[in-house]
Amino acid sequence: MAQTPQDTSLGVFMAEPLPSDSRQARQLARRQLIVEAVMSEGAIRIEDITERFGISLMTAHRDIDELAERGLLHKSRGVVSATPTSLVESSDIYRATRQLDEKSAIAELAASYIETGQALFLDDSTTVLQMARLLPTKAPLTVITNSLTLMSEVKHVRDITLMGLGGHYHNWCNAFMGRMTRDEIAALRADMFFVSMSAIIDDAVFHQSAETVETKRAMFDSAEKRILLMDHTKFTRRALYRFAHLTEFDVVIVNQGTPLPVLRRLQDLGVNLAIAPMKVSA
C-alpha cells in the first residue's frame, strides 16, 4: 500500500477553471453576479440588469430563465426577485467560482491520498469537483458520484470506471438525491469518500439541505475512509442541518490562510488535519 502523504505543517460548473475569455466562463461568472446582485437588493428590474451587465435583453432573459429554472430567482412582470438565501448559497452556480484558488489547492492535496485501483465516492460539492482534472493521473479508478456535473467531466477519461447514481434530480445543485440514490449507495462499498459541506459550527459540519445531508451520510457510511475538504470561509458560515463531528473524518483538509487559532483548536480536538499550501502569485 502506498504511504500516506505527510500533513502540511502549521507554518505553512468546472473541474478545471475555464479560460477567462471563454464563453462558458463569462456566462457562469455573469450569472453568479446576477444572483448576488438580486440577493443583495431583493429585487431588480430586468431592464436594469441589461444596463448593469452590458448585455442584451435576450441574453438577460436567457440568464434569468436558467436561474429561475434552478429555483434561485423569481421572474415576474419584468422584475427579478430572490429566493431564500440558503437555497441560493447551496447552488452550484453560486458556489462554482467562489474561493477557486483555495478549492484548487485543497483538491490537489486531497488527490494525493488516492491510490491507483481504488473505488471513490465523490459528492456533488464544487470543491470535490476540482479533483476531476487530477483523477486521470491516478487511473485506473472507479468513480461513484451523484453529481451530473462531475459525471460529465470524467465520462470520457480513459481507465476511469464511472458509476452514476440515479434518483430524484435536483436542478439547483445539478445532482441526484433521495431514497433511490441512498439505496444505490447502500449496495456499494468504496475505499474513500471525498466530501465538502457548507459550514463548520461548534466543531461539526453542517449543510442547508436535509436531503443533501442524508445522501452524503449514505456515502459516508459506505466508505472505508472519509476525507473532508473545507476552505477557511466555512468556519464563519451558518447552515441548518448537522452532518458529522470533525473527529469522525479520517482527514480534514483546509487551505493555508485558515486562522491559526482555528488550526490549533482542530489539533487540540485530535482532528487529523492537513493544510493545503497556496500558490504564491508572481
C-alpha atoms as a PDB file:
ATOM      1  CA  MET A   1       0.000   0.000   0.000  1.00  0.00           C
ATOM      2  CA  ALA A   2       1.254   3.472  -0.831  1.00  0.00           C
ATOM      3  CA  GLN A   3       2.474   5.609   2.017  1.00  0.00           C
ATOM      4  CA  THR A   4       0.029   8.177   3.422  1.00  0.00           C
ATOM      5  CA  PRO A   5       1.000  11.756   2.476  1.00  0.00           C
ATOM      6  CA  GLN A   6       2.525  13.801   5.262  1.00  0.00           C
ATOM      7  CA  ASP A   7       0.354  16.564   6.705  1.00  0.00           C
ATOM      8  CA  THR A   8       1.497  20.097   5.907  1.00  0.00           C
ATOM      9  CA  SER A   9       2.814  21.923   8.995  1.00  0.00           C
ATOM     10  CA  LEU A  10       1.097  24.846  10.667  1.00  0.00           C
ATOM     11  CA  GLY A  11       3.808  27.117   9.342  1.00  0.00           C
ATOM     12  CA  VAL A  12       2.877  26.984   6.089  1.00  0.00           C
ATOM     13  CA  PHE A  13     -19.922  24.181 -13.066  1.00  0.00           C
ATOM     14  CA  MET A  14     -15.982  23.067 -13.717  1.00  0.00           C
ATOM     15  CA  ALA A  15     -13.314  20.573 -12.882  1.00  0.00           C
ATOM     16  CA  GLU A  16     -10.608  22.959 -14.118  1.00  0.00           C
ATOM     17  CA  PRO A  17     -11.002  26.741 -14.371  1.00  0.00           C
ATOM     18  CA  LEU A  18     -12.083  27.716 -17.837  1.00  0.00           C
ATOM     19  CA  PRO A  19     -10.010  30.292 -19.745  1.00  0.00           C
ATOM     20  CA  SER A  20     -11.011  33.795 -18.768  1.00  0.00           C
ATOM     21  CA  ASP A  21     -12.031  34.586 -22.349  1.00  0.00           C
ATOM     22  CA  SER A  22     -14.215  31.502 -22.826  1.00  0.00           C
ATOM     23  CA  ARG A  23     -17.925  31.972 -23.390  1.00  0.00           C
ATOM     24  CA  GLN A  24     -18.784  29.448 -20.647  1.00  0.00           C
ATOM     25  CA  ALA A  25     -16.613  31.182 -18.062  1.00  0.00           C
ATOM     26  CA  ARG A  26     -18.100  34.612 -18.840  1.00  0.00           C
ATOM     27  CA  GLN A  27     -21.621  33.203 -18.706  1.00  0.00           C
ATOM     28  CA  LEU A  28     -21.057  31.437 -15.390  1.00  0.00           C
ATOM     29  CA  ALA A  29     -19.427  34.494 -13.803  1.00  0.00           C
ATOM     30  CA  ARG A  30     -22.181  36.796 -15.082  1.00  0.00           C
ATOM     31  CA  ARG A  31     -24.954  34.581 -13.752  1.00  0.00           C
ATOM     32  CA  GLN A  32     -23.255  34.385 -10.383  1.00  0.00           C
ATOM     33  CA  LEU A  33     -23.021  38.189 -10.267  1.00  0.00           C
ATOM     34  CA  ILE A  34     -26.697  38.492 -11.222  1.00  0.00           C
ATOM     35  CA  VAL A  35     -27.695  36.169  -8.378  1.00  0.00           C
ATOM     36  CA  GLU A  36     -25.535  38.066  -5.883  1.00  0.00           C
ATOM     37  CA  ALA A  37     -26.920  41.428  -7.039  1.00  0.00           C
ATOM     38  CA  VAL A  38     -30.519  40.263  -6.678  1.00  0.00           C
ATOM     39  CA  MET A  39     -29.751  38.706  -3.281  1.00  0.00           C
ATOM     40  CA  SER A  40     -28.244  41.990  -2.130  1.00  0.00           C
ATOM     41  CA  GLU A  41     -31.051  44.236  -3.363  1.00  0.00           C
ATOM     42  CA  GLY A  42     -34.024  41.897  -3.029  1.00  0.00           C
ATOM     43  CA  ALA A  43     -35.447  42.698  -6.471  1.00  0.00           C
ATOM     44  CA  ILE A  44     -34.148  44.260  -9.708  1.00  0.00           C
ATOM     45  CA  ARG A  45     -35.859  45.200 -12.960  1.00  0.00           C
ATOM     46  CA  ILE A  46     -34.682  43.160 -15.936  1.00  0.00           C
ATOM     47  CA  GLU A  47     -34.001  46.380 -17.859  1.00  0.00           C
ATOM     48  CA  ASP A  48     -31.628  47.442 -15.082  1.00  0.00           C
ATOM     49  CA  ILE A  49     -29.819  44.105 -15.335  1.00  0.00           C
ATOM     50  CA  THR A  50     -29.185  44.664 -19.054  1.00  0.00           C
ATOM     51  CA  GLU A  51     -27.651  48.073 -18.330  1.00  0.00           C
ATOM     52  CA  ARG A  52     -25.644  46.947 -15.310  1.00  0.00           C
ATOM     53  CA  PHE A  53     -24.068  43.954 -17.055  1.00  0.00           C
ATOM     54  CA  GLY A  54     -23.923  45.367 -20.580  1.00  0.00           C
ATOM     55  CA  ILE A  55     -25.967  42.544 -22.122  1.00  0.00           C
ATOM     56  CA  SER A  56     -28.908  42.380 -24.479  1.00  0.00           C
ATOM     57  CA  LEU A  57     -32.467  41.906 -23.274  1.00  0.00           C
ATOM     58  CA  MET A  58     -32.484  38.452 -24.875  1.00  0.00           C
ATOM     59  CA  THR A  59     -29.317  37.418 -23.017  1.00  0.00           C
ATOM     60  CA  ALA A  60     -30.697  38.781 -19.748  1.00  0.00           C
ATOM     61  CA  HIS A  61     -33.895  36.769 -20.129  1.00  0.00           C
ATOM     62  CA  ARG A  62     -31.913  33.646 -21.028  1.00  0.00           C
ATOM     63  CA  ASP A  63     -29.729  34.006 -17.926  1.00  0.00           C
ATOM     64  CA  ILE A  64     -32.682  34.757 -15.660  1.00  0.00           C
ATOM     65  CA  ASP A  65     -34.783  31.909 -17.061  1.00  0.00           C
ATOM     66  CA  GLU A  66     -31.952  29.461 -16.347  1.00  0.00           C
ATOM     67  CA  LEU A  67     -31.565  30.801 -12.801  1.00  0.00           C
ATOM     68  CA  ALA A  68     -35.328  30.712 -12.257  1.00  0.00           C
ATOM     69  CA  GLU A  69     -35.491  27.128 -13.531  1.00  0.00           C
ATOM     70  CA  ARG A  70     -32.902  26.198 -10.933  1.00  0.00           C
ATOM     71  CA  GLY A  71     -35.072  27.801  -8.275  1.00  0.00           C
ATOM     72  CA  LEU A  72     -32.601  30.557  -7.465  1.00  0.00           C
ATOM     73  CA  LEU A  73     -34.611  33.571  -8.703  1.00  0.00           C
ATOM     74  CA  HIS A  74     -38.221  34.516  -9.388  1.00  0.00           C
ATOM     75  CA  LYS A  75     -39.198  36.421 -12.544  1.00  0.00           C
ATOM     76  CA  SER A  76     -42.492  38.266 -12.728  1.00  0.00           C
ATOM     77  CA  ARG A  77     -43.640  41.232 -14.833  1.00  0.00           C
ATOM     78  CA  GLY A  78     -40.175  42.400 -15.729  1.00  0.00           C
ATOM     79  CA  VAL A  79     -38.806  42.156 -12.177  1.00  0.00           C
ATOM     80  CA  VAL A  80     -36.415  39.562 -10.753  1.00  0.00           C
ATOM     81  CA  SER A  81     -36.513  38.731  -7.032  1.00  0.00           C
ATOM     82  CA  ALA A  82     -34.500  36.448  -4.778  1.00  0.00           C
ATOM     83  CA  THR A  83     -35.446  33.063  -3.364  1.00  0.00           C
ATOM     84  CA  PRO A  84     -34.344  32.030   0.163  1.00  0.00           C
ATOM     85  CA  THR A  85     -30.654  32.697   0.741  1.00  0.00           C
ATOM     86  CA  SER A  86     -29.978  29.127   1.922  1.00  0.00           C
ATOM     87  CA  LEU A  87     -31.044  27.675  -1.425  1.00  0.00           C
ATOM     88  CA  VAL A  88     -29.047  30.203  -3.421  1.00  0.00           C
ATOM     89  CA  GLU A  89     -25.900  29.624  -1.371  1.00  0.00           C
ATOM     90  CA  SER A  90     -26.267  25.861  -1.882  1.00  0.00           C
ATOM     91  CA  SER A  91     -26.488  26.155  -5.667  1.00  0.00           C
ATOM     92  CA  ASP A  92     -23.655  25.085  -7.941  1.00  0.00           C
ATOM     93  CA  ILE A  93     -23.863  28.363  -9.874  1.00  0.00           C
ATOM     94  CA  TYR A  94     -23.309  30.410  -6.718  1.00  0.00           C
ATOM     95  CA  ARG A  95     -20.517  28.159  -5.433  1.00  0.00           C
ATOM     96  CA  ALA A  96     -18.649  27.312  -8.655  1.00  0.00           C
ATOM     97  CA  THR A  97     -16.249  30.267  -8.797  1.00  0.00           C
ATOM     98  CA  ARG A  98     -16.041  31.199  -5.113  1.00  0.00           C
ATOM     99  CA  GLN A  99     -12.672  30.600  -3.379  1.00  0.00           C
ATOM    100  CA  LEU A 100     -11.497  28.871  -6.548  1.00  0.00           C
ATOM    101  CA  ASP A 101      -7.787  29.114  -5.667  1.00  0.00           C
ATOM    102  CA  GLU A 102      -8.402  27.661  -2.224  1.00  0.00           C
ATOM    103  CA  LYS A 103     -10.572  24.863  -3.606  1.00  0.00           C
ATOM    104  CA  SER A 104      -7.971  24.005  -6.225  1.00  0.00           C
ATOM    105  CA  ALA A 105      -5.190  23.799  -3.612  1.00  0.00           C
ATOM    106  CA  ILE A 106      -7.331  21.639  -1.333  1.00  0.00           C
ATOM    107  CA  ALA A 107      -8.274  19.349  -4.239  1.00  0.00           C
ATOM    108  CA  GLU A 108      -4.607  18.819  -5.151  1.00  0.00           C
ATOM    109  CA  LEU A 109      -3.759  17.721  -1.628  1.00  0.00           C
ATOM    110  CA  ALA A 110      -6.883  15.545  -1.461  1.00  0.00           C
ATOM    111  CA  ALA A 111      -5.910  13.756  -4.686  1.00  0.00           C
ATOM    112  CA  SER A 112      -2.565  12.798  -3.151  1.00  0.00           C
ATOM    113  CA  TYR A 113      -4.422  10.399  -0.827  1.00  0.00           C
ATOM    114  CA  ILE A 114      -5.824   8.385  -3.750  1.00  0.00           C
ATOM    115  CA  GLU A 115      -4.198   5.109  -4.692  1.00  0.00           C
ATOM    116  CA  THR A 116      -4.444   3.556  -8.142  1.00  0.00           C
ATOM    117  CA  GLY A 117      -7.217   0.986  -8.403  1.00  0.00           C
ATOM    118  CA  GLN A 118      -9.397   2.394  -5.641  1.00  0.00           C
ATOM    119  CA  ALA A 119     -13.152   2.957  -5.705  1.00  0.00           C
ATOM    120  CA  LEU A 120     -14.129   6.500  -4.719  1.00  0.00           C
ATOM    121  CA  PHE A 121     -17.331   8.188  -3.628  1.00  0.00           C
ATOM    122  CA  LEU A 122     -17.225  11.831  -4.785  1.00  0.00           C
ATOM    123  CA  ASP A 123     -20.004  14.148  -3.649  1.00  0.00           C
ATOM    124  CA  ASP A 124     -21.654  16.994  -5.579  1.00  0.00           C
ATOM    125  CA  SER A 125     -19.662  19.822  -3.980  1.00  0.00           C
ATOM    126  CA  THR A 126     -17.726  22.290  -6.133  1.00  0.00           C
ATOM    127  CA  THR A 127     -14.604  21.699  -4.015  1.00  0.00           C
ATOM    128  CA  VAL A 128     -14.605  17.977  -4.779  1.00  0.00           C
ATOM    129  CA  LEU A 129     -15.364  18.828  -8.415  1.00  0.00           C
ATOM    130  CA  GLN A 130     -11.925  20.436  -8.587  1.00  0.00           C
ATOM    131  CA  MET A 131     -10.458  16.942  -8.157  1.00  0.00           C
ATOM    132  CA  ALA A 132     -11.819  15.790 -11.540  1.00  0.00           C
ATOM    133  CA  ARG A 133      -8.873  17.185 -13.518  1.00  0.00           C
ATOM    134  CA  LEU A 134      -6.465  15.251 -11.265  1.00  0.00           C
ATOM    135  CA  LEU A 135      -8.097  11.826 -11.481  1.00  0.00           C
ATOM    136  CA  PRO A 136      -6.520  10.693 -14.805  1.00  0.00           C
ATOM    137  CA  THR A 137      -3.090  10.612 -13.140  1.00  0.00           C
ATOM    138  CA  LYS A 138      -4.444   8.113 -10.586  1.00  0.00           C
ATOM    139  CA  ALA A 139      -6.245   5.819 -13.041  1.00  0.00           C
ATOM    140  CA  PRO A 140      -7.397   3.117 -13.162  1.00  0.00           C
ATOM    141  CA  LEU A 141     -10.115   4.151 -10.704  1.00  0.00           C
ATOM    142  CA  THR A 142     -13.789   3.582 -10.071  1.00  0.00           C
ATOM    143  CA  VAL A 143     -15.615   6.874  -9.521  1.00  0.00           C
ATOM    144  CA  ILE A 144     -19.077   6.810  -7.899  1.00  0.00           C
ATOM    145  CA  THR A 145     -20.972  10.098  -7.799  1.00  0.00           C
ATOM    146  CA  ASN A 146     -24.423  11.683  -7.704  1.00  0.00           C
ATOM    147  CA  SER A 147     -23.131  14.857  -9.391  1.00  0.00           C
ATOM    148  CA  LEU A 148     -24.206  15.245 -13.009  1.00  0.00           C
ATOM    149  CA  THR A 149     -21.512  17.903 -13.458  1.00  0.00           C
ATOM    150  CA  LEU A 150     -18.781  15.554 -12.280  1.00  0.00           C
ATOM    151  CA  MET A 151     -20.145  12.717 -14.423  1.00  0.00           C
ATOM    152  CA  SER A 152     -19.783  14.952 -17.475  1.00  0.00           C
ATOM    153  CA  GLU A 153     -16.200  15.797 -16.541  1.00  0.00           C
ATOM    154  CA  VAL A 154     -14.931  12.219 -16.192  1.00  0.00           C
ATOM    155  CA  LYS A 155     -17.138  10.229 -18.573  1.00  0.00           C
ATOM    156  CA  HIS A 156     -14.551  10.253 -21.370  1.00  0.00           C
ATOM    157  CA  VAL A 157     -11.478   9.691 -19.194  1.00  0.00           C
ATOM    158  CA  ARG A 158      -9.656   6.516 -20.102  1.00  0.00           C
ATOM    159  CA  ASP A 159      -9.352   3.866 -17.378  1.00  0.00           C
ATOM    160  CA  ILE A 160     -11.937   5.503 -15.116  1.00  0.00           C
ATOM    161  CA  THR A 161     -14.995   3.352 -14.478  1.00  0.00           C
ATOM    162  CA  LEU A 162     -17.848   5.789 -13.864  1.00  0.00           C
ATOM    163  CA  MET A 163     -20.826   4.740 -11.751  1.00  0.00           C
ATOM    164  CA  GLY A 164     -23.502   7.435 -11.849  1.00  0.00           C
ATOM    165  CA  LEU A 165     -26.001   7.369  -9.010  1.00  0.00           C
ATOM    166  CA  GLY A 166     -29.590   7.965 -10.067  1.00  0.00           C
ATOM    167  CA  GLY A 167     -32.649   9.091  -8.151  1.00  0.00           C
ATOM    168  CA  HIS A 168     -34.510  12.377  -7.845  1.00  0.00           C
ATOM    169  CA  TYR A 169     -32.734  15.051  -9.896  1.00  0.00           C
ATOM    170  CA  HIS A 170     -32.311  18.442  -8.203  1.00  0.00           C
ATOM    171  CA  ASN A 171     -31.755  21.299 -10.631  1.00  0.00           C
ATOM    172  CA  TRP A 172     -30.336  23.740  -8.068  1.00  0.00           C
ATOM    173  CA  CYS A 173     -27.275  21.538  -7.457  1.00  0.00           C
ATOM    174  CA  ASN A 174     -27.259  19.526 -10.717  1.00  0.00           C
ATOM    175  CA  ALA A 175     -27.209  16.285  -8.755  1.00  0.00           C
ATOM    176  CA  PHE A 176     -29.331  13.273  -7.794  1.00  0.00           C
ATOM    177  CA  MET A 177     -30.562  12.732  -4.252  1.00  0.00           C
ATOM    178  CA  GLY A 178     -33.305  10.989  -2.350  1.00  0.00           C
ATOM    179  CA  ARG A 179     -34.282   7.452  -1.310  1.00  0.00           C
ATOM    180  CA  MET A 180     -33.389   5.837  -4.650  1.00  0.00           C
ATOM    181  CA  THR A 181     -29.935   7.409  -4.529  1.00  0.00           C
ATOM    182  CA  ARG A 182     -29.351   6.282  -0.957  1.00  0.00           C
ATOM    183  CA  ASP A 183     -30.483   2.732  -1.768  1.00  0.00           C
ATOM    184  CA  GLU A 184     -27.954   2.546  -4.605  1.00  0.00           C
ATOM    185  CA  ILE A 185     -25.204   3.846  -2.324  1.00  0.00           C
ATOM    186  CA  ALA A 186     -26.074   1.329   0.412  1.00  0.00           C
ATOM    187  CA  ALA A 187     -25.455  -1.546  -2.031  1.00  0.00           C
ATOM    188  CA  LEU A 188     -21.879  -0.377  -2.679  1.00  0.00           C
ATOM    189  CA  ARG A 189     -18.612  -0.183  -0.757  1.00  0.00           C
ATOM    190  CA  ALA A 190     -15.851   2.267  -1.634  1.00  0.00           C
ATOM    191  CA  ASP A 191     -12.303   2.785  -0.417  1.00  0.00           C
ATOM    192  CA  MET A 192     -12.626   6.538   0.073  1.00  0.00           C
ATOM    193  CA  PHE A 193     -15.259   9.276   0.296  1.00  0.00           C
ATOM    194  CA  PHE A 194     -14.369  12.868  -0.553  1.00  0.00           C
ATOM    195  CA  VAL A 195     -16.869  15.446   0.695  1.00  0.00           C
ATOM    196  CA  SER A 196     -17.285  19.153   1.355  1.00  0.00           C
ATOM    197  CA  MET A 197     -20.033  20.902   3.301  1.00  0.00           C
ATOM    198  CA  SER A 198     -21.441  24.398   3.806  1.00  0.00           C
ATOM    199  CA  ALA A 199     -20.326  25.338   7.300  1.00  0.00           C
ATOM    200  CA  ILE A 200     -18.443  24.355  10.442  1.00  0.00           C
ATOM    201  CA  ILE A 201     -20.270  25.170  13.670  1.00  0.00           C
ATOM    202  CA  ASP A 202     -19.243  24.020  17.157  1.00  0.00           C
ATOM    203  CA  ASP A 203     -16.671  21.598  15.719  1.00  0.00           C
ATOM    204  CA  ALA A 204     -19.216  19.892  13.443  1.00  0.00           C
ATOM    205  CA  VAL A 205     -20.046  20.261   9.741  1.00  0.00           C
ATOM    206  CA  PHE A 206     -23.470  21.434   8.542  1.00  0.00           C
ATOM    207  CA  HIS A 207     -25.414  21.906   5.306  1.00  0.00           C
ATOM    208  CA  GLN A 208     -28.521  23.919   4.335  1.00  0.00           C
ATOM    209  CA  SER A 209     -30.292  20.925   2.752  1.00  0.00           C
ATOM    210  CA  ALA A 210     -31.550  17.974   4.795  1.00  0.00           C
ATOM    211  CA  GLU A 211     -31.698  15.767   1.708  1.00  0.00           C
ATOM    212  CA  THR A 212     -28.102  16.613   0.849  1.00  0.00           C
ATOM    213  CA  VAL A 213     -27.039  15.604   4.352  1.00  0.00           C
ATOM    214  CA  GLU A 214     -28.894  12.275   4.060  1.00  0.00           C
ATOM    215  CA  THR A 215     -27.303  11.482   0.682  1.00  0.00           C
ATOM    216  CA  LYS A 216     -23.795  12.343   1.852  1.00  0.00           C
ATOM    217  CA  ARG A 217     -24.327  10.360   5.053  1.00  0.00           C
ATOM    218  CA  ALA A 218     -25.103   7.272   2.961  1.00  0.00           C
ATOM    219  CA  MET A 219     -21.760   7.699   1.147  1.00  0.00           C
ATOM    220  CA  PHE A 220     -20.023   8.316   4.473  1.00  0.00           C
ATOM    221  CA  ASP A 221     -21.395   5.040   5.884  1.00  0.00           C
ATOM    222  CA  SER A 222     -20.403   3.047   2.772  1.00  0.00           C
ATOM    223  CA  ALA A 223     -16.771   4.191   2.599  1.00  0.00           C
ATOM    224  CA  GLU A 224     -13.761   2.831   4.441  1.00  0.00           C
ATOM    225  CA  LYS A 225     -12.004   6.205   4.681  1.00  0.00           C
ATOM    226  CA  ARG A 226     -13.624   9.688   4.782  1.00  0.00           C
ATOM    227  CA  ILE A 227     -11.838  12.883   3.798  1.00  0.00           C
ATOM    228  CA  LEU A 228     -13.378  16.320   4.392  1.00  0.00           C
ATOM    229  CA  LEU A 229     -12.413  19.286   2.178  1.00  0.00           C
ATOM    230  CA  MET A 230     -13.191  22.710   3.693  1.00  0.00           C
ATOM    231  CA  ASP A 231     -11.822  26.143   2.799  1.00  0.00           C
ATOM    232  CA  HIS A 232     -11.386  28.777   5.513  1.00  0.00           C
ATOM    233  CA  THR A 233     -14.662  30.591   4.746  1.00  0.00           C
ATOM    234  CA  LYS A 234     -16.665  27.601   6.035  1.00  0.00           C
ATOM    235  CA  PHE A 235     -15.616  28.446   9.594  1.00  0.00           C
ATOM    236  CA  THR A 236     -17.590  31.711   9.520  1.00  0.00           C
ATOM    237  CA  ARG A 237     -20.748  30.489   7.782  1.00  0.00           C
ATOM    238  CA  ARG A 238     -24.034  29.104   9.095  1.00  0.00           C
ATOM    239  CA  ALA A 239     -26.221  26.196   7.983  1.00  0.00           C
ATOM    240  CA  LEU A 240     -29.152  24.313   9.483  1.00  0.00           C
ATOM    241  CA  TYR A 241     -28.570  20.557   9.332  1.00  0.00           C
ATOM    242  CA  ARG A 242     -25.772  18.778  11.191  1.00  0.00           C
ATOM    243  CA  PHE A 243     -23.781  16.156   9.302  1.00  0.00           C
ATOM    244  CA  ALA A 244     -20.890  14.938  11.471  1.00  0.00           C
ATOM    245  CA  HIS A 245     -18.323  15.979  14.056  1.00  0.00           C
ATOM    246  CA  LEU A 246     -14.901  16.857  12.665  1.00  0.00           C
ATOM    247  CA  THR A 247     -13.284  13.999  14.571  1.00  0.00           C
ATOM    248  CA  GLU A 248     -15.404  11.483  12.619  1.00  0.00           C
ATOM    249  CA  PHE A 249     -13.334  12.109   9.489  1.00  0.00           C
ATOM    250  CA  ASP A 250     -10.073  10.310   8.776  1.00  0.00           C
ATOM    251  CA  VAL A 251      -8.581  13.518   7.355  1.00  0.00           C
ATOM    252  CA  VAL A 252      -9.758  17.141   7.351  1.00  0.00           C
ATOM    253  CA  ILE A 253      -8.089  19.273   4.661  1.00  0.00           C
ATOM    254  CA  VAL A 254      -8.124  23.080   4.922  1.00  0.00           C
ATOM    255  CA  ASN A 255      -6.232  25.729   2.998  1.00  0.00           C
ATOM    256  CA  GLN A 256      -3.215  27.721   4.078  1.00  0.00           C
ATOM    257  CA  GLY A 257      -4.600  31.011   5.355  1.00  0.00           C
ATOM    258  CA  THR A 258      -7.052  29.400   7.758  1.00  0.00           C
ATOM    259  CA  PRO A 259      -6.668  31.378  11.026  1.00  0.00           C
ATOM    260  CA  LEU A 260      -4.061  29.948  13.376  1.00  0.00           C
ATOM    261  CA  PRO A 261      -6.459  29.803  16.390  1.00  0.00           C
ATOM    262  CA  VAL A 262      -8.800  27.663  14.277  1.00  0.00           C
ATOM    263  CA  LEU A 263      -5.972  25.302  13.339  1.00  0.00           C
ATOM    264  CA  ARG A 264      -4.864  25.000  16.959  1.00  0.00           C
ATOM    265  CA  ARG A 265      -8.442  24.288  18.022  1.00  0.00           C
ATOM    266  CA  LEU A 266      -8.717  21.456  15.478  1.00  0.00           C
ATOM    267  CA  GLN A 267      -5.433  19.962  16.594  1.00  0.00           C
ATOM    268  CA  ASP A 268      -6.491  20.165  20.256  1.00  0.00           C
ATOM    269  CA  LEU A 269      -9.634  18.217  19.315  1.00  0.00           C
ATOM    270  CA  GLY A 270      -7.486  15.466  17.844  1.00  0.00           C
ATOM    271  CA  VAL A 271      -8.544  16.146  14.247  1.00  0.00           C
ATOM    272  CA  ASN A 272      -6.169  14.646  11.674  1.00  0.00           C
ATOM    273  CA  LEU A 273      -5.511  17.960   9.968  1.00  0.00           C
ATOM    274  CA  ALA A 274      -3.820  18.559   6.616  1.00  0.00           C
ATOM    275  CA  ILE A 275      -3.147  22.071   5.283  1.00  0.00           C
ATOM    276  CA  ALA A 276      -3.092  22.696   1.541  1.00  0.00           C
ATOM    277  CA  PRO A 277      -0.377  25.240   0.626  1.00  0.00           C
ATOM    278  CA  MET A 278      -1.495  28.142  -1.555  1.00  0.00           C
ATOM    279  CA  LYS A 279       0.470  29.038  -4.684  1.00  0.00           C
ATOM    280  CA  VAL A 280       2.238  32.367  -4.474  1.00  0.00           C
ATOM    281  CA  SER A 281       1.207  34.783  -7.228  1.00  0.00           C
ATOM    282  CA  ALA A 282       4.048  36.028  -9.423  1.00  0.00           C
END
